[in-house]
Protein backbone atom coordinates (compact mmCIF):
# COMPACT_ATOMS: atom_id res chain seq x y z
CA MET A 1 0.00 0.00 0.00
CA ASN A 2 1.31 3.44 -0.90
CA ARG A 3 1.32 5.71 2.14
CA TYR A 4 3.07 8.86 0.87
CA SER A 5 2.17 11.02 -2.09
CA LYS A 6 2.01 14.56 -3.42
CA ILE A 7 -1.17 16.35 -4.46
CA THR A 8 -0.04 18.61 -7.29
CA GLU A 9 -3.34 20.26 -8.24
CA LYS A 10 -5.53 22.80 -6.47
CA VAL A 11 -4.19 22.97 -2.88
CA LYS A 12 -0.73 21.51 -3.47
CA ARG A 13 0.44 19.43 -0.54
CA GLU A 14 2.16 16.31 0.64
CA ILE A 15 -0.09 13.60 2.04
CA VAL A 16 0.64 10.66 4.31
CA LEU A 17 -1.65 7.75 5.15
CA LEU A 18 -0.73 6.59 8.64
CA LYS A 19 -1.73 3.57 10.68
CA ALA A 20 -3.67 4.14 13.90
CA TYR A 21 -5.69 2.56 16.65
CA PRO A 22 -9.24 1.35 15.84
CA CYS A 23 -11.79 3.98 14.81
CA ILE A 24 -13.80 5.35 17.73
CA TRP A 25 -17.03 4.60 15.86
CA GLY A 26 -16.16 1.93 13.32
CA LYS A 27 -19.79 1.20 12.40
CA CYS A 28 -20.36 3.16 9.19
CA SER A 29 -22.27 0.87 6.85
CA PHE A 30 -20.16 1.76 3.78
CA CYS A 31 -16.67 1.69 5.27
CA ASP A 32 -14.08 -1.05 5.27
CA TYR A 33 -11.08 1.28 5.50
CA ILE A 34 -10.91 0.54 9.23
CA LEU A 35 -9.33 -2.83 8.37
CA ASP A 36 -6.08 -0.85 8.14
CA ASN A 37 -6.22 -0.07 11.87
CA SER A 38 -4.21 -1.92 14.48
CA SER A 39 -3.95 -2.38 18.25
CA ASP A 40 -0.21 -3.05 18.11
CA LYS A 41 1.29 0.21 19.34
CA GLU A 42 4.89 -0.66 18.44
CA GLU A 43 3.90 -1.65 14.90
CA ILE A 44 1.88 1.52 14.41
CA ILE A 45 4.66 3.80 15.66
CA LYS A 46 7.37 2.08 13.63
CA THR A 47 5.30 2.06 10.42
CA ASN A 48 4.40 5.72 10.80
CA GLU A 49 7.97 6.78 11.51
CA GLU A 50 9.03 5.26 8.19
CA ILE A 51 6.21 7.00 6.33
CA LEU A 52 6.89 10.38 7.92
CA ARG A 53 10.53 10.29 6.80
CA ASN A 54 9.31 11.02 3.27
CA ILE A 55 8.05 14.49 4.10
CA THR A 56 10.09 17.26 2.48
CA GLY A 57 7.99 20.35 3.19
CA GLU A 58 8.28 21.48 -0.42
CA TYR A 59 4.73 22.83 -0.58
CA LYS A 60 4.65 24.05 3.05
CA VAL A 61 1.36 22.16 3.37
CA LEU A 62 0.90 18.67 4.80
CA GLU A 63 -2.14 16.41 5.00
CA VAL A 64 -2.17 13.57 7.53
CA ILE A 65 -4.88 10.94 7.21
CA ASN A 66 -5.58 7.53 8.71
CA SER A 67 -8.44 5.06 8.64
CA GLY A 68 -10.34 6.92 11.32
CA SER A 69 -9.52 10.14 13.17
CA CYS A 70 -6.26 11.93 13.89
CA PHE A 71 -6.94 11.42 17.60
CA GLU A 72 -6.31 7.70 17.10
CA ILE A 73 -2.72 8.27 15.98
CA PRO A 74 -0.31 7.51 18.84
CA LYS A 75 0.98 10.52 20.76
CA GLU A 76 4.55 9.55 19.85
CA ASN A 77 3.74 9.97 16.16
CA LEU A 78 1.88 13.23 16.73
CA LEU A 79 4.95 14.62 18.48
CA LEU A 80 7.10 13.53 15.54
CA ILE A 81 4.74 15.24 13.10
CA LYS A 82 5.01 18.41 15.17
CA GLU A 83 8.82 18.21 15.01
CA ILE A 84 8.73 17.71 11.24
CA ILE A 85 6.38 20.67 10.84
CA LYS A 86 8.90 22.90 12.60
CA GLU A 87 11.94 21.39 10.86
CA LYS A 88 10.45 21.59 7.36
CA LYS A 89 8.77 24.94 8.00
CA ILE A 90 5.31 23.63 7.14
CA GLU A 91 2.71 26.38 7.38
CA ARG A 92 -0.62 24.56 7.04
CA LEU A 93 -1.88 21.17 8.13
CA PHE A 94 -4.87 19.10 7.01
CA LEU A 95 -6.30 16.65 9.56
CA GLU A 96 -9.50 14.60 9.68
CA SER A 97 -11.77 13.60 12.53
CA HIS A 98 -15.08 11.93 13.26
CA TRP A 99 -17.85 14.03 14.75
CA CYS A 100 -17.42 12.11 18.03
CA TYR A 101 -14.23 14.05 18.71
CA LYS A 102 -15.70 17.49 18.09
CA ASN A 103 -14.95 18.70 21.63
CA ARG A 104 -11.24 17.86 21.23
CA ILE A 105 -10.71 19.74 17.97
CA LYS A 106 -9.60 22.89 19.77
CA ASP A 107 -6.96 20.94 21.72
CA MET A 108 -5.45 19.56 18.51
CA ARG A 109 -5.33 23.01 16.94
CA GLU A 110 -3.45 24.30 19.99
CA PHE A 111 -1.09 21.31 20.00
CA PHE A 112 0.22 21.86 16.47
CA GLU A 113 0.39 25.67 16.69
CA ILE A 114 -0.15 26.23 12.96
CA PRO A 115 -3.37 26.71 10.95
CA ILE A 116 -5.25 23.44 10.56
CA THR A 117 -7.92 22.65 7.99
CA PHE A 118 -10.02 20.10 9.85
CA LYS A 119 -11.84 17.68 7.57
CA ILE A 120 -14.85 15.58 8.50
CA GLY A 121 -16.60 12.77 6.69
CA VAL A 122 -20.12 14.12 6.45
CA GLU A 123 -21.00 11.92 3.41
CA THR A 124 -24.26 13.85 2.97
CA PHE A 125 -26.09 16.75 4.58
CA ASP A 126 -29.28 14.70 4.46
CA TYR A 127 -29.65 13.87 8.18
CA ASP A 128 -31.64 10.65 7.79
CA PHE A 129 -29.53 9.20 4.99
CA ARG A 130 -26.33 10.10 6.82
CA ASN A 131 -27.30 8.54 10.11
CA LYS A 132 -29.94 5.90 9.33
CA VAL A 133 -28.63 4.48 6.05
CA LEU A 134 -24.89 5.17 6.27
CA ASN A 135 -24.89 4.85 10.08
CA LYS A 136 -22.44 7.73 10.33
CA ASN A 137 -23.35 8.86 13.87
CA ALA A 138 -22.70 12.47 12.95
CA LYS A 139 -25.83 14.02 14.40
CA PHE A 140 -25.28 17.71 13.86
CA ILE A 141 -28.47 19.52 12.97
CA GLY A 142 -27.35 22.35 10.71
CA ILE A 143 -24.38 23.75 8.85
CA ASP A 144 -23.63 26.34 11.54
CA GLU A 145 -23.22 23.62 14.16
CA LEU A 146 -20.80 21.75 11.89
CA LYS A 147 -18.77 24.90 11.17
CA LYS A 148 -18.23 25.52 14.88
CA TYR A 149 -15.71 22.67 14.81
CA PHE A 150 -14.81 21.70 11.24
CA ASP A 151 -13.57 23.51 8.15
CA SER A 152 -13.78 21.01 5.30
CA PRO A 153 -16.60 18.48 4.81
CA CYS A 154 -16.13 15.33 2.75
CA ILE A 155 -19.22 14.04 0.97
CA MET A 156 -19.86 10.87 -0.99
CA VAL A 157 -21.82 10.45 -4.20
CA GLY A 158 -23.07 7.46 -6.14
CA ILE A 159 -24.54 5.27 -3.40
CA GLU A 160 -27.71 3.28 -3.99
CA GLY A 161 -30.54 5.12 -2.30
CA GLN A 162 -29.14 8.58 -2.95
CA THR A 163 -31.03 10.86 -5.32
CA LYS A 164 -29.92 13.50 -7.79
CA GLU A 165 -31.70 16.10 -5.67
CA MET A 166 -29.81 15.02 -2.56
CA ILE A 167 -26.44 15.24 -4.32
CA SER A 168 -27.23 18.60 -5.90
CA ARG A 169 -28.19 20.02 -2.51
CA ASP A 170 -25.00 18.67 -0.94
CA ILE A 171 -22.82 20.25 -3.62
CA GLU A 172 -24.65 23.57 -3.33
CA ILE A 173 -24.00 23.57 0.41
CA LEU A 174 -20.29 22.90 -0.13
CA LEU A 175 -19.91 25.63 -2.73
CA ASN A 176 -21.75 28.26 -0.71
CA ASN A 177 -20.53 27.59 2.82
CA PHE A 178 -16.99 26.21 2.91
CA GLU A 179 -13.53 27.27 1.76
CA HIS A 180 -12.51 23.68 1.14
CA ALA A 181 -14.31 20.36 0.64
CA THR A 182 -13.86 16.90 -0.82
CA ILE A 183 -16.25 14.84 -2.94
CA ASN A 184 -15.66 11.08 -3.03
CA VAL A 185 -17.28 9.00 -5.75
CA PHE A 186 -18.26 5.75 -4.08
CA VAL A 187 -16.39 2.64 -5.16
CA ASN A 188 -17.74 -0.82 -4.31
CA ASN A 189 -15.90 -2.52 -1.47
CA SER A 190 -16.46 -5.43 0.90
CA THR A 191 -19.53 -3.84 2.58
CA LYS A 192 -23.14 -4.40 1.61
CA VAL A 193 -23.53 -0.80 0.43
CA LYS A 194 -23.48 -0.64 -3.36
CA ARG A 195 -22.58 1.90 -6.01
CA ASP A 196 -25.27 3.32 -8.28
CA ASP A 197 -23.50 3.51 -11.65
CA GLU A 198 -26.26 5.51 -13.30
CA LEU A 199 -26.10 8.09 -10.54
CA VAL A 200 -22.31 8.30 -10.89
CA LYS A 201 -22.66 8.78 -14.65
CA TRP A 202 -25.17 11.59 -14.09
CA PHE A 203 -22.90 13.24 -11.49
CA ILE A 204 -19.91 13.22 -13.83
CA GLU A 205 -21.91 14.59 -16.76
CA GLU A 206 -23.54 17.24 -14.59
CA TYR A 207 -20.69 18.39 -12.39
CA LYS A 208 -17.24 17.25 -13.56
CA GLU A 209 -16.39 20.32 -15.62
CA LEU A 210 -17.63 22.70 -12.91
CA LEU A 211 -15.89 20.96 -10.03
CA ASP A 212 -12.61 20.24 -11.79
CA LYS A 213 -12.21 23.98 -12.32
CA ASN A 214 -13.02 24.83 -8.70
CA ASP A 215 -9.82 25.10 -6.67
CA LYS A 216 -11.55 24.66 -3.32
CA ILE A 217 -13.18 21.31 -4.14
CA ASP A 218 -11.17 18.10 -4.39
CA VAL A 219 -12.96 15.34 -6.32
CA LEU A 220 -11.84 11.73 -5.96
CA TYR A 221 -13.31 9.73 -8.82
CA ASN A 222 -11.39 6.74 -7.42
CA ASN A 223 -10.55 6.39 -3.76
CA THR A 224 -6.81 6.34 -4.55
CA ASP A 225 -6.76 9.57 -6.55
CA PHE A 226 -4.69 11.29 -3.85
CA GLY A 227 -2.01 8.69 -4.52
CA VAL A 228 -2.34 6.87 -1.20
CA GLY A 229 -4.26 3.77 -0.25
CA ASP A 230 -4.96 0.53 -2.03
């Protein structure tokens, strides 16, 4: 599995995919990424140290992801990331967290002492689909509540049960309310949730040209488009 890459379009940055402890929630109906998690602290720390050695700081921006939330990365690795940030003069950091950790976001911002763009997997702003179908357990009520903690929502398109209207509303919310966001086109995996190919085709025809030109929206047509993962 590739765990280091460079994103050379839109917000240029280095990106690392680290190992971490099990996801605090781990029950999303569509997600099998958590199979990358581990309970072996020594293995996690050693693996992450090797990955982090690749960071050069050339873009002054770093994104750190794992199969869960940044709070599940061992403290030893977080301290190393902080050292690398200072050594390589990195000026901006991207991190991701589940809604469950919302009350610890401020602590992480203070720990790293540089601007952080905090991402969250929202998947959709449709409350019922997000929590009843996708079992996301992200029970914020409105956009203002979400923005109190997070800067950059990640949504997913192309899941059976979604509608064109739902996706269009989600994209409108992203464009009008956030300085950065990510759209993931769903790819079939080992879960029971399935991709709607007709919906994906419609999304690409309707939005690809618009979104590809928008520097504040990253679109992953495949889940490895950032160059990390498997």
